[in-house]
């Protein structure tokens, strides 16, 4: 099973931008959905965005619509999250996860990358 590794996190001021990457150690097969979630201390993990690996169909959490863009590179087995107009409350650890399209449970998660947005 492909391992997932996130990168690209860091510190940015409110209103700034960051681009996160999620790299899979092996080929991601058709029929999978890759997603970004985030978790702040004391809060539940929150859905950010997802992308279907075959079709490219995307979904976004309401709070990030219009500001974040999820994308993928099938040849590199990588997924990305372009984050613009970042807000202080979006400080969190961002995780990428993978599941089969017909399941709700994620079979694998990355270790996460920290995003800190200062106001």
N, C-alpha and C. Protein backbone atom coordinates (compact mmCIF):
# COMPACT_ATOMS: atom_id res chain seq x y z
N UNK A 1 0.85 -1.18 0.00
CA UNK A 1 0.00 0.00 0.00
C UNK A 1 0.89 1.24 0.00
N UNK A 2 0.55 2.19 -0.85
CA UNK A 2 1.37 3.37 -1.00
C UNK A 2 1.38 4.19 0.28
N UNK A 3 2.57 4.62 0.67
CA UNK A 3 2.70 5.53 1.80
C UNK A 3 2.53 6.95 1.28
N UNK A 4 1.99 7.82 2.15
CA UNK A 4 1.75 9.21 1.77
C UNK A 4 2.63 10.12 2.61
N UNK A 5 3.25 11.09 1.96
CA UNK A 5 4.13 12.02 2.65
C UNK A 5 3.76 13.44 2.25
N UNK A 6 3.39 14.24 3.25
CA UNK A 6 3.04 15.63 2.99
C UNK A 6 4.27 16.52 3.12
N UNK A 7 4.25 17.63 2.42
CA UNK A 7 5.30 18.63 2.53
C UNK A 7 4.73 19.98 2.14
N UNK A 8 5.51 21.03 2.39
CA UNK A 8 5.11 22.37 1.98
C UNK A 8 4.54 23.23 3.08
N UNK A 9 4.36 22.67 4.26
CA UNK A 9 3.85 23.47 5.35
C UNK A 9 4.86 24.52 5.78
N UNK A 10 4.40 25.45 6.60
CA UNK A 10 5.28 26.49 7.09
C UNK A 10 4.49 27.58 7.76
N UNK A 11 5.14 28.72 7.94
CA UNK A 11 4.51 29.86 8.59
C UNK A 11 4.26 30.96 7.57
N UNK A 12 3.11 31.57 7.66
CA UNK A 12 2.74 32.62 6.73
C UNK A 12 1.84 33.60 7.46
N UNK A 13 1.83 34.82 7.00
CA UNK A 13 0.94 35.81 7.59
C UNK A 13 -0.46 35.67 7.00
N UNK A 14 -1.42 36.12 7.75
CA UNK A 14 -2.80 36.09 7.28
C UNK A 14 -2.90 36.82 5.94
N UNK A 15 -3.64 36.21 5.03
CA UNK A 15 -3.76 36.74 3.68
C UNK A 15 -2.75 36.16 2.72
N UNK A 16 -1.78 35.42 3.25
CA UNK A 16 -0.75 34.83 2.42
C UNK A 16 -1.16 33.52 1.81
N UNK A 17 -0.20 32.89 1.13
CA UNK A 17 -0.47 31.66 0.39
C UNK A 17 0.58 30.60 0.72
N UNK A 18 0.17 29.36 0.61
CA UNK A 18 1.07 28.22 0.71
C UNK A 18 0.59 27.14 -0.24
N UNK A 19 1.52 26.30 -0.66
CA UNK A 19 1.19 25.17 -1.51
C UNK A 19 1.69 23.90 -0.85
N UNK A 20 0.78 23.02 -0.52
CA UNK A 20 1.12 21.75 0.08
C UNK A 20 1.20 20.67 -0.98
N UNK A 21 2.04 19.69 -0.73
CA UNK A 21 2.16 18.53 -1.62
C UNK A 21 1.96 17.25 -0.83
N UNK A 22 1.43 16.26 -1.49
CA UNK A 22 1.27 14.93 -0.91
C UNK A 22 1.80 13.94 -1.94
N UNK A 23 2.88 13.27 -1.59
CA UNK A 23 3.52 12.33 -2.51
C UNK A 23 3.27 10.90 -2.05
N UNK A 24 2.88 10.07 -3.00
CA UNK A 24 2.68 8.65 -2.71
C UNK A 24 3.92 7.87 -3.10
N UNK A 25 4.25 6.87 -2.28
CA UNK A 25 5.47 6.10 -2.53
C UNK A 25 5.30 5.14 -3.70
N UNK A 26 4.06 4.82 -4.05
CA UNK A 26 3.80 3.92 -5.16
C UNK A 26 2.71 4.48 -6.05
N UNK A 27 2.37 3.70 -7.06
CA UNK A 27 1.34 4.18 -7.99
C UNK A 27 -0.02 4.18 -7.32
N UNK A 28 -0.74 5.26 -7.52
CA UNK A 28 -2.11 5.34 -7.03
C UNK A 28 -3.02 4.82 -8.13
N UNK A 29 -3.77 3.79 -7.81
CA UNK A 29 -4.59 3.14 -8.82
C UNK A 29 -5.89 3.89 -9.06
N UNK A 30 -6.50 3.70 -10.21
CA UNK A 30 -7.82 4.27 -10.44
C UNK A 30 -8.81 3.78 -9.39
N UNK A 31 -9.79 4.60 -9.10
CA UNK A 31 -10.79 4.20 -8.13
C UNK A 31 -10.53 4.72 -6.73
N UNK A 32 -9.47 5.47 -6.58
CA UNK A 32 -9.17 6.04 -5.29
C UNK A 32 -9.52 7.53 -5.26
N UNK A 33 -9.78 8.01 -4.06
CA UNK A 33 -9.99 9.43 -3.79
C UNK A 33 -8.91 9.87 -2.81
N UNK A 34 -8.26 10.96 -3.13
CA UNK A 34 -7.29 11.53 -2.21
C UNK A 34 -7.84 12.82 -1.63
N UNK A 35 -7.58 13.04 -0.36
CA UNK A 35 -8.18 14.16 0.33
C UNK A 35 -7.17 14.88 1.22
N UNK A 36 -7.50 16.11 1.50
CA UNK A 36 -6.81 16.90 2.51
C UNK A 36 -7.76 17.12 3.68
N UNK A 37 -7.25 16.89 4.85
CA UNK A 37 -7.93 17.20 6.09
C UNK A 37 -6.99 18.05 6.94
N UNK A 38 -7.54 18.72 7.92
CA UNK A 38 -6.70 19.48 8.84
C UNK A 38 -7.23 19.32 10.26
N UNK A 39 -6.32 19.48 11.21
CA UNK A 39 -6.70 19.35 12.60
C UNK A 39 -5.95 20.36 13.44
N UNK A 40 -6.70 21.14 14.19
CA UNK A 40 -6.13 22.11 15.14
C UNK A 40 -6.20 21.51 16.54
N UNK A 41 -5.36 21.96 17.44
CA UNK A 41 -5.38 21.43 18.80
C UNK A 41 -6.77 21.57 19.43
N UNK A 42 -7.25 20.47 19.97
CA UNK A 42 -8.54 20.49 20.65
C UNK A 42 -9.74 20.41 19.73
N UNK A 43 -9.50 20.29 18.44
CA UNK A 43 -10.60 20.23 17.49
C UNK A 43 -10.57 18.92 16.73
N UNK A 44 -11.73 18.58 16.17
CA UNK A 44 -11.80 17.36 15.37
C UNK A 44 -11.15 17.61 14.00
N UNK A 45 -10.75 16.51 13.39
CA UNK A 45 -10.19 16.62 12.06
C UNK A 45 -11.27 17.12 11.10
N UNK A 46 -10.92 18.09 10.28
CA UNK A 46 -11.87 18.77 9.40
C UNK A 46 -11.54 18.51 7.94
N UNK A 47 -12.56 18.18 7.17
CA UNK A 47 -12.38 17.98 5.73
C UNK A 47 -12.05 19.30 5.05
N UNK A 48 -11.06 19.27 4.18
CA UNK A 48 -10.67 20.46 3.43
C UNK A 48 -11.03 20.31 1.95
N UNK A 49 -10.55 19.26 1.32
CA UNK A 49 -10.79 19.08 -0.11
C UNK A 49 -10.46 17.64 -0.49
N UNK A 50 -11.05 17.20 -1.61
CA UNK A 50 -10.75 15.88 -2.13
C UNK A 50 -10.73 15.91 -3.64
N UNK A 51 -10.07 14.90 -4.21
CA UNK A 51 -10.00 14.79 -5.65
C UNK A 51 -10.03 13.32 -6.02
N UNK A 52 -10.86 12.98 -6.99
CA UNK A 52 -10.92 11.62 -7.50
C UNK A 52 -9.76 11.39 -8.44
N UNK A 53 -9.04 10.29 -8.21
CA UNK A 53 -7.79 10.12 -8.94
C UNK A 53 -8.01 9.90 -10.44
N UNK A 54 -9.08 9.25 -10.79
CA UNK A 54 -9.32 8.98 -12.22
C UNK A 54 -9.97 10.15 -12.93
N UNK A 55 -11.06 10.64 -12.37
CA UNK A 55 -11.85 11.65 -13.07
C UNK A 55 -11.41 13.07 -12.80
N UNK A 56 -10.72 13.28 -11.67
CA UNK A 56 -10.35 14.63 -11.29
C UNK A 56 -11.46 15.41 -10.61
N UNK A 57 -12.56 14.74 -10.34
CA UNK A 57 -13.68 15.41 -9.68
C UNK A 57 -13.23 15.91 -8.31
N UNK A 58 -13.58 17.17 -8.01
CA UNK A 58 -13.12 17.76 -6.76
C UNK A 58 -14.27 18.17 -5.86
N UNK A 59 -14.01 18.17 -4.59
CA UNK A 59 -14.96 18.67 -3.59
C UNK A 59 -14.18 19.50 -2.58
N UNK A 60 -14.87 20.48 -2.01
CA UNK A 60 -14.22 21.37 -1.05
C UNK A 60 -15.09 21.56 0.18
N UNK A 61 -14.43 21.79 1.31
CA UNK A 61 -15.16 22.20 2.49
C UNK A 61 -15.68 23.62 2.28
N UNK A 62 -16.79 23.93 2.91
CA UNK A 62 -17.42 25.23 2.69
C UNK A 62 -16.50 26.39 3.03
N UNK A 63 -15.72 26.25 4.05
CA UNK A 63 -14.91 27.38 4.51
C UNK A 63 -13.73 27.69 3.59
N UNK A 64 -13.38 26.77 2.70
CA UNK A 64 -12.22 27.00 1.84
C UNK A 64 -12.59 27.22 0.39
N UNK A 65 -13.86 27.07 0.05
CA UNK A 65 -14.28 27.23 -1.34
C UNK A 65 -13.92 28.61 -1.85
N UNK A 66 -13.34 28.65 -3.03
CA UNK A 66 -12.95 29.91 -3.64
C UNK A 66 -11.56 30.38 -3.25
N UNK A 67 -10.98 29.76 -2.23
CA UNK A 67 -9.63 30.17 -1.79
C UNK A 67 -8.60 29.06 -1.96
N UNK A 68 -9.02 27.83 -1.82
CA UNK A 68 -8.11 26.68 -1.94
C UNK A 68 -8.39 25.95 -3.25
N UNK A 69 -7.34 25.39 -3.82
CA UNK A 69 -7.48 24.59 -5.04
C UNK A 69 -6.71 23.29 -4.88
N UNK A 70 -7.40 22.19 -5.09
CA UNK A 70 -6.76 20.88 -5.04
C UNK A 70 -6.46 20.43 -6.46
N UNK A 71 -5.33 19.79 -6.63
CA UNK A 71 -4.96 19.30 -7.96
C UNK A 71 -4.09 18.06 -7.81
N UNK A 72 -3.76 17.44 -8.93
CA UNK A 72 -2.99 16.20 -8.89
C UNK A 72 -2.12 16.07 -10.10
N UNK A 73 -1.13 15.22 -9.98
CA UNK A 73 -0.28 14.85 -11.10
C UNK A 73 -0.21 13.33 -11.10
N UNK A 74 -0.96 12.71 -11.99
CA UNK A 74 -1.05 11.26 -12.00
C UNK A 74 0.30 10.60 -12.29
N UNK A 75 1.08 11.21 -13.14
CA UNK A 75 2.37 10.61 -13.51
C UNK A 75 3.34 10.62 -12.34
N UNK A 76 3.26 11.66 -11.53
CA UNK A 76 4.15 11.76 -10.37
C UNK A 76 3.54 11.13 -9.12
N UNK A 77 2.27 10.74 -9.19
CA UNK A 77 1.55 10.23 -8.02
C UNK A 77 1.60 11.25 -6.88
N UNK A 78 1.30 12.49 -7.22
CA UNK A 78 1.32 13.57 -6.26
C UNK A 78 0.01 14.35 -6.29
N UNK A 79 -0.34 14.87 -5.15
CA UNK A 79 -1.51 15.72 -5.02
C UNK A 79 -1.06 17.03 -4.38
N UNK A 80 -1.79 18.10 -4.67
CA UNK A 80 -1.39 19.40 -4.19
C UNK A 80 -2.59 20.15 -3.61
N UNK A 81 -2.27 21.11 -2.75
CA UNK A 81 -3.30 22.00 -2.24
C UNK A 81 -2.75 23.41 -2.26
N UNK A 82 -3.28 24.21 -3.15
CA UNK A 82 -2.91 25.62 -3.22
C UNK A 82 -3.85 26.38 -2.30
N UNK A 83 -3.26 27.06 -1.32
CA UNK A 83 -4.07 27.76 -0.31
C UNK A 83 -3.79 29.26 -0.40
N UNK A 84 -4.82 30.01 -0.67
CA UNK A 84 -4.71 31.46 -0.78
C UNK A 84 -5.57 32.14 0.29
N UNK A 85 -5.27 33.40 0.54
CA UNK A 85 -6.02 34.19 1.52
C UNK A 85 -6.16 33.45 2.84
N UNK A 86 -5.07 32.94 3.32
CA UNK A 86 -5.09 32.14 4.54
C UNK A 86 -5.49 32.98 5.75
N UNK A 87 -6.17 32.32 6.67
CA UNK A 87 -6.68 32.97 7.88
C UNK A 87 -6.00 32.37 9.11
N UNK A 88 -5.93 33.13 10.15
CA UNK A 88 -5.26 32.66 11.37
C UNK A 88 -5.90 31.38 11.91
N UNK A 89 -7.21 31.28 11.78
CA UNK A 89 -7.91 30.11 12.30
C UNK A 89 -7.66 28.86 11.48
N UNK A 90 -6.94 29.00 10.38
CA UNK A 90 -6.60 27.82 9.57
C UNK A 90 -5.26 27.23 9.97
N UNK A 91 -4.69 27.75 11.02
CA UNK A 91 -3.50 27.12 11.59
C UNK A 91 -3.86 25.71 12.05
N UNK A 92 -3.12 24.75 11.54
CA UNK A 92 -3.45 23.35 11.82
C UNK A 92 -2.37 22.45 11.23
N UNK A 93 -2.48 21.18 11.58
CA UNK A 93 -1.71 20.17 10.87
C UNK A 93 -2.57 19.68 9.72
N UNK A 94 -2.01 19.69 8.54
CA UNK A 94 -2.73 19.28 7.34
C UNK A 94 -2.27 17.87 6.95
N UNK A 95 -3.26 17.01 6.76
CA UNK A 95 -3.00 15.61 6.44
C UNK A 95 -3.57 15.26 5.07
N UNK A 96 -2.89 14.39 4.37
CA UNK A 96 -3.50 13.81 3.17
C UNK A 96 -3.85 12.37 3.47
N UNK A 97 -4.94 11.94 2.88
CA UNK A 97 -5.42 10.59 3.09
C UNK A 97 -5.93 10.01 1.80
N UNK A 98 -6.04 8.68 1.78
CA UNK A 98 -6.46 7.99 0.58
C UNK A 98 -7.51 6.95 0.93
N UNK A 99 -8.55 6.90 0.12
CA UNK A 99 -9.60 5.88 0.31
C UNK A 99 -10.10 5.43 -1.05
N UNK A 100 -10.70 4.27 -1.05
CA UNK A 100 -11.38 3.82 -2.26
C UNK A 100 -12.65 4.64 -2.42
N UNK A 101 -13.05 4.90 -3.63
CA UNK A 101 -14.17 5.82 -3.87
C UNK A 101 -15.47 5.34 -3.27
N UNK A 102 -15.61 4.02 -3.08
CA UNK A 102 -16.87 3.49 -2.56
C UNK A 102 -16.83 3.29 -1.05
N UNK A 103 -15.80 3.70 -0.40
CA UNK A 103 -15.68 3.60 1.05
C UNK A 103 -15.58 5.00 1.66
N UNK A 104 -15.95 5.10 2.92
CA UNK A 104 -15.80 6.37 3.64
C UNK A 104 -14.55 6.37 4.52
N UNK A 105 -14.09 5.19 4.90
CA UNK A 105 -12.90 5.11 5.74
C UNK A 105 -11.64 5.25 4.89
N UNK A 106 -10.66 5.93 5.46
CA UNK A 106 -9.40 6.11 4.76
C UNK A 106 -8.43 4.98 5.12
N UNK A 107 -7.86 4.38 4.09
CA UNK A 107 -6.94 3.27 4.31
C UNK A 107 -5.56 3.71 4.72
N UNK A 108 -5.18 4.92 4.36
CA UNK A 108 -3.85 5.39 4.73
C UNK A 108 -3.85 6.91 4.87
N UNK A 109 -2.98 7.37 5.76
CA UNK A 109 -2.79 8.79 6.03
C UNK A 109 -1.30 9.11 6.03
N UNK A 110 -1.01 10.35 5.69
CA UNK A 110 0.35 10.82 5.86
C UNK A 110 0.59 11.26 7.29
N UNK A 111 1.80 11.70 7.56
CA UNK A 111 2.17 12.10 8.91
C UNK A 111 1.75 13.53 9.22
N UNK A 112 1.37 14.28 8.21
CA UNK A 112 0.91 15.65 8.39
C UNK A 112 2.01 16.68 8.22
N UNK A 113 1.59 17.89 7.88
CA UNK A 113 2.52 19.01 7.76
C UNK A 113 1.89 20.22 8.45
N UNK A 114 2.68 20.92 9.23
CA UNK A 114 2.16 22.02 10.02
C UNK A 114 2.04 23.29 9.19
N UNK A 115 0.88 23.92 9.28
CA UNK A 115 0.65 25.23 8.67
C UNK A 115 0.32 26.20 9.80
N UNK A 116 1.07 27.26 9.88
CA UNK A 116 0.85 28.28 10.91
C UNK A 116 0.58 29.62 10.23
N UNK A 117 -0.57 30.20 10.53
CA UNK A 117 -0.96 31.47 9.94
C UNK A 117 -1.03 32.50 11.06
N UNK A 118 -0.22 33.52 10.96
CA UNK A 118 -0.19 34.54 12.01
C UNK A 118 -1.00 35.75 11.59
N UNK A 119 -1.68 36.33 12.57
CA UNK A 119 -2.54 37.48 12.26
C UNK A 119 -1.79 38.79 12.44
